[in-house]
Amino acid sequence: MTTDRFDVYGFEQPDVDEVAAAVETLLGIELRRRDSSYRGLYYVAGSGNQDYIVQVNDPQHGGYAQFSQYPVVLMVSAVPGMAAIHERLTAAGAVLLRSTTHAQSPDADPT
């Protein structure tokens, strides 16, 4: 059985471009800038553009009202090395806002 983990980090820095640049440096990833009517301006990386998402924390555009004190959030979804990612981000001042896990059965049909 494997376990998938989904983490949400908050940043006090209000500039999404600056947070995205910092995340790229901290995690050694390349984020792609996107703009949509649902999320607004955001950055993505990973398979299917869902492994890493940096966006303005606007509840009307996929953000988190309960964490309104953090103007930018990073969502990290089921990537290898989640513990190391956590250590790097929190050492740089990011705040873990939510961490959820769920178990995947090894014989589960993904379709």
Protein backbone atom coordinates (compact mmCIF):
# COMPACT_ATOMS: atom_id res chain seq x y z
CA MET A 1 0.00 0.00 0.00
CA THR A 2 1.28 3.49 -0.83
CA THR A 3 0.30 6.80 0.72
CA ASP A 4 -0.26 10.00 -1.20
CA ARG A 5 0.24 13.31 0.56
CA PHE A 6 -1.10 16.78 -0.28
CA ASP A 7 0.41 19.80 1.46
CA VAL A 8 -0.56 23.47 1.39
CA TYR A 9 2.01 26.10 2.42
CA GLY A 10 1.37 29.77 3.11
CA PHE A 11 3.68 32.69 2.38
CA GLU A 12 3.53 36.14 3.94
CA GLN A 13 5.12 37.63 0.80
CA PRO A 14 2.22 39.15 -1.19
CA ASP A 15 3.90 38.97 -4.62
CA VAL A 16 3.12 35.66 -6.38
CA ASP A 17 6.00 36.21 -8.84
CA GLU A 18 8.52 36.54 -6.01
CA VAL A 19 7.15 33.48 -4.20
CA ALA A 20 7.30 31.44 -7.40
CA ALA A 21 10.94 32.46 -7.95
CA ALA A 22 11.80 31.52 -4.36
CA VAL A 23 10.05 28.13 -4.68
CA GLU A 24 11.97 27.41 -7.88
CA THR A 25 15.26 28.11 -6.12
CA LEU A 26 14.39 26.22 -2.94
CA LEU A 27 13.08 23.10 -4.67
CA GLY A 28 15.12 23.11 -7.86
CA ILE A 29 12.05 23.04 -10.08
CA GLU A 30 10.91 25.13 -13.05
CA LEU A 31 7.46 26.67 -12.69
CA ARG A 32 5.42 27.76 -15.70
CA ARG A 33 3.31 30.91 -15.46
CA ARG A 34 -0.37 30.51 -16.32
CA ASP A 35 -3.47 32.66 -16.22
CA SER A 36 -7.03 31.36 -16.01
CA SER A 37 -10.48 32.64 -15.19
CA TYR A 38 -10.66 30.12 -12.32
CA ARG A 39 -7.29 30.63 -10.55
CA GLY A 40 -6.18 33.96 -11.95
CA LEU A 41 -2.40 34.27 -12.31
CA TYR A 42 -0.61 31.15 -11.04
CA TYR A 43 2.46 28.96 -11.57
CA VAL A 44 2.57 25.19 -12.13
CA ALA A 45 5.12 22.40 -12.42
CA GLY A 46 5.05 18.65 -12.64
CA SER A 47 3.19 15.94 -14.44
CA GLY A 48 -0.21 17.09 -15.58
CA ASN A 49 0.58 20.54 -14.14
CA GLN A 50 -0.72 19.44 -10.75
CA ASP A 51 2.35 18.51 -8.66
CA TYR A 52 3.18 22.09 -7.67
CA ILE A 53 0.83 25.07 -7.86
CA VAL A 54 1.72 28.57 -6.60
CA GLN A 55 -1.17 31.01 -6.60
CA VAL A 56 -2.64 34.08 -4.96
CA ASN A 57 -4.73 32.96 -1.99
CA ASP A 58 -8.08 34.24 -3.21
CA PRO A 59 -11.03 32.09 -2.00
CA GLN A 60 -13.03 33.10 -5.06
CA HIS A 61 -10.32 31.58 -7.26
CA GLY A 62 -9.41 28.28 -5.59
CA GLY A 63 -7.77 29.75 -2.48
CA TYR A 64 -8.33 29.15 1.21
CA ALA A 65 -10.49 31.61 3.20
CA GLN A 66 -9.42 30.04 6.51
CA PHE A 67 -5.80 31.02 5.76
CA SER A 68 -6.47 34.57 4.60
CA GLN A 69 -3.43 35.93 6.45
CA TYR A 70 -1.24 34.27 3.78
CA PRO A 71 -1.61 36.12 0.46
CA VAL A 72 0.16 33.39 -1.58
CA VAL A 73 -0.10 29.61 -1.24
CA LEU A 74 1.84 26.66 -2.63
CA MET A 75 0.11 23.32 -3.11
CA VAL A 76 2.34 20.24 -3.37
CA SER A 77 0.68 17.02 -4.39
CA ALA A 78 2.07 13.49 -4.06
CA VAL A 79 5.62 14.10 -5.27
CA PRO A 80 8.67 12.13 -4.13
CA GLY A 81 10.52 13.60 -1.18
CA MET A 82 7.63 15.37 0.54
CA ALA A 83 9.51 15.39 3.88
CA ALA A 84 12.56 17.06 2.32
CA ILE A 85 10.32 19.56 0.53
CA HIS A 86 8.67 20.38 3.86
CA GLU A 87 12.04 20.93 5.53
CA ARG A 88 13.31 23.26 2.77
CA LEU A 89 10.12 25.33 2.63
CA THR A 90 9.64 25.76 6.37
CA ALA A 91 13.34 26.58 6.89
CA ALA A 92 12.81 29.42 4.40
CA GLY A 93 9.77 30.75 6.27
CA ALA A 94 6.84 29.03 4.56
CA VAL A 95 4.11 27.85 6.91
CA LEU A 96 2.50 24.42 6.53
CA LEU A 97 -1.22 25.19 6.54
CA ARG A 98 -2.64 21.77 5.76
CA SER A 99 -1.31 18.26 5.19
CA THR A 100 -3.55 15.41 4.17
CA THR A 101 -2.76 11.83 3.28
CA HIS A 102 -4.69 8.97 1.84
CA ALA A 103 -3.72 5.36 1.27
CA GLN A 104 -3.67 3.79 -2.15
CA SER A 105 -4.12 0.04 -2.47
CA PRO A 106 -1.39 -1.50 -4.67
CA ASP A 107 -4.00 -3.40 -6.66
CA ALA A 108 -6.40 -0.47 -7.05
CA ASP A 109 -7.59 0.08 -10.60
CA PRO A 110 -6.64 3.66 -11.53
CA THR A 111 -9.37 3.88 -14.16
